Amino acid sequence: MSKNVTVYTTPTCPYCVMVKKFLTEKQIPFQEVDLTRSPESVDKVMRATGQLGVPQTEINGQWVIGYDPSRILSIVNQ
C-alpha cells in the first residue's frame, strides 16, 4: 500500500534535516512543506496536532511530532 508522507519543516531546524535524511535513506518518498513559506500549512498543523514545533510528519493522516524514526516506520509498515 502506498503511503502519503508529508514532512512539515523550517529552514533552521536540525531535526527536520534528520527526518528528511532518514526518509531518504529508507527510500520512503515524501513531500516537504516549509512552514515559513506556507502560512496556511501552519494553521493546518496547529489544528491537527496542537503543536507548532517541527518537524511534524503526516503519514496517511497520522502524525509524528519531532524526530521519531521508530514511530515513522511503525506507521509506514501498517
C-alpha atoms as a PDB file:
ATOM      1  CA  MET A   1       0.000   0.000   0.000  1.00  0.00           C
ATOM      2  CA  SER A   2       1.311   3.433  -0.930  1.00  0.00           C
ATOM      3  CA  LYS A   3       1.795   5.921   1.884  1.00  0.00           C
ATOM      4  CA  ASN A   4       1.273   9.657   1.563  1.00  0.00           C
ATOM      5  CA  VAL A   5       4.102  11.220   3.603  1.00  0.00           C
ATOM      6  CA  THR A   6       4.427  14.960   4.196  1.00  0.00           C
ATOM      7  CA  VAL A   7       7.144  16.498   6.357  1.00  0.00           C
ATOM      8  CA  TYR A   8       6.478  19.985   7.745  1.00  0.00           C
ATOM      9  CA  THR A   9       9.756  21.812   8.321  1.00  0.00           C
ATOM     10  CA  THR A  10      11.546  25.119   8.783  1.00  0.00           C
ATOM     11  CA  PRO A  11      14.940  26.014   7.280  1.00  0.00           C
ATOM     12  CA  THR A  12      16.753  26.311  10.634  1.00  0.00           C
ATOM     13  CA  CYS A  13      15.554  23.034  12.189  1.00  0.00           C
ATOM     14  CA  PRO A  14      18.294  20.380  12.578  1.00  0.00           C
ATOM     15  CA  TYR A  15      15.733  17.659  13.373  1.00  0.00           C
ATOM     16  CA  CYS A  16      13.973  18.457  10.093  1.00  0.00           C
ATOM     17  CA  VAL A  17      17.211  17.648   8.264  1.00  0.00           C
ATOM     18  CA  MET A  18      17.456  14.403  10.230  1.00  0.00           C
ATOM     19  CA  VAL A  19      13.933  13.241   9.417  1.00  0.00           C
ATOM     20  CA  LYS A  20      14.369  14.032   5.709  1.00  0.00           C
ATOM     21  CA  LYS A  21      17.685  12.146   5.669  1.00  0.00           C
ATOM     22  CA  PHE A  22      16.072   9.184   7.444  1.00  0.00           C
ATOM     23  CA  LEU A  23      13.182   9.025   4.968  1.00  0.00           C
ATOM     24  CA  THR A  24      15.574   9.287   2.026  1.00  0.00           C
ATOM     25  CA  GLU A  25      17.824   6.526   3.399  1.00  0.00           C
ATOM     26  CA  LYS A  26      14.797   4.263   3.916  1.00  0.00           C
ATOM     27  CA  GLN A  27      13.620   5.091   0.374  1.00  0.00           C
ATOM     28  CA  ILE A  28      10.323   6.456   1.676  1.00  0.00           C
ATOM     29  CA  PRO A  29       9.092   9.130  -0.745  1.00  0.00           C
ATOM     30  CA  PHE A  30       7.868  12.315   0.901  1.00  0.00           C
ATOM     31  CA  GLN A  31       6.733  15.830   0.208  1.00  0.00           C
ATOM     32  CA  GLU A  32       8.276  18.692   2.188  1.00  0.00           C
ATOM     33  CA  VAL A  33       6.323  21.768   3.273  1.00  0.00           C
ATOM     34  CA  ASP A  34       8.412  24.680   4.554  1.00  0.00           C
ATOM     35  CA  LEU A  35       6.172  26.329   7.141  1.00  0.00           C
ATOM     36  CA  THR A  36       7.992  29.654   6.764  1.00  0.00           C
ATOM     37  CA  ARG A  37       6.675  29.813   3.199  1.00  0.00           C
ATOM     38  CA  SER A  38       3.217  28.362   3.802  1.00  0.00           C
ATOM     39  CA  PRO A  39       1.139  30.170   6.455  1.00  0.00           C
ATOM     40  CA  GLU A  40      -1.929  28.087   5.612  1.00  0.00           C
ATOM     41  CA  SER A  41       0.043  24.947   6.450  1.00  0.00           C
ATOM     42  CA  VAL A  42       0.960  26.386   9.857  1.00  0.00           C
ATOM     43  CA  ASP A  43      -2.779  26.590  10.571  1.00  0.00           C
ATOM     44  CA  LYS A  44      -3.317  23.014   9.323  1.00  0.00           C
ATOM     45  CA  VAL A  45      -0.548  21.610  11.535  1.00  0.00           C
ATOM     46  CA  MET A  46      -1.712  23.558  14.569  1.00  0.00           C
ATOM     47  CA  ARG A  47      -5.320  22.387  14.141  1.00  0.00           C
ATOM     48  CA  ALA A  48      -4.278  18.775  13.595  1.00  0.00           C
ATOM     49  CA  THR A  49      -1.728  18.384  16.400  1.00  0.00           C
ATOM     50  CA  GLY A  50      -1.941  21.407  18.671  1.00  0.00           C
ATOM     51  CA  GLN A  51       1.826  21.749  18.243  1.00  0.00           C
ATOM     52  CA  LEU A  52       3.921  24.394  16.494  1.00  0.00           C
ATOM     53  CA  GLY A  53       7.267  22.621  16.786  1.00  0.00           C
ATOM     54  CA  VAL A  54       8.919  20.967  13.805  1.00  0.00           C
ATOM     55  CA  PRO A  55       9.444  18.561  12.266  1.00  0.00           C
ATOM     56  CA  GLN A  56       5.974  17.158  12.061  1.00  0.00           C
ATOM     57  CA  THR A  57       5.361  14.272   9.707  1.00  0.00           C
ATOM     58  CA  GLU A  58       1.931  13.297   8.429  1.00  0.00           C
ATOM     59  CA  ILE A  59       1.590   9.757   7.122  1.00  0.00           C
ATOM     60  CA  ASN A  60      -1.847   8.960   5.708  1.00  0.00           C
ATOM     61  CA  GLY A  61      -3.496  11.201   8.304  1.00  0.00           C
ATOM     62  CA  GLN A  62      -1.406  10.009  11.280  1.00  0.00           C
ATOM     63  CA  TRP A  63       1.028  12.466  12.831  1.00  0.00           C
ATOM     64  CA  VAL A  64       4.553  12.049  14.164  1.00  0.00           C
ATOM     65  CA  ILE A  65       5.783  15.069  16.110  1.00  0.00           C
ATOM     66  CA  GLY A  66       9.540  15.519  16.226  1.00  0.00           C
ATOM     67  CA  TYR A  67      12.200  13.100  15.057  1.00  0.00           C
ATOM     68  CA  ASP A  68      10.906   9.619  15.870  1.00  0.00           C
ATOM     69  CA  PRO A  69      12.204   7.063  13.343  1.00  0.00           C
ATOM     70  CA  SER A  70      10.630   4.038  15.060  1.00  0.00           C
ATOM     71  CA  ARG A  71       7.170   5.632  15.035  1.00  0.00           C
ATOM     72  CA  ILE A  72       7.584   6.643  11.382  1.00  0.00           C
ATOM     73  CA  LEU A  73       8.476   3.069  10.433  1.00  0.00           C
ATOM     74  CA  SER A  74       5.643   1.696  12.532  1.00  0.00           C
ATOM     75  CA  ILE A  75       3.088   3.794  10.648  1.00  0.00           C
ATOM     76  CA  VAL A  76       4.659   3.225   7.231  1.00  0.00           C
ATOM     77  CA  ASN A  77       4.660  -0.537   7.788  1.00  0.00           C
ATOM     78  CA  GLN A  78       0.997  -0.742   8.850  1.00  0.00           C
END
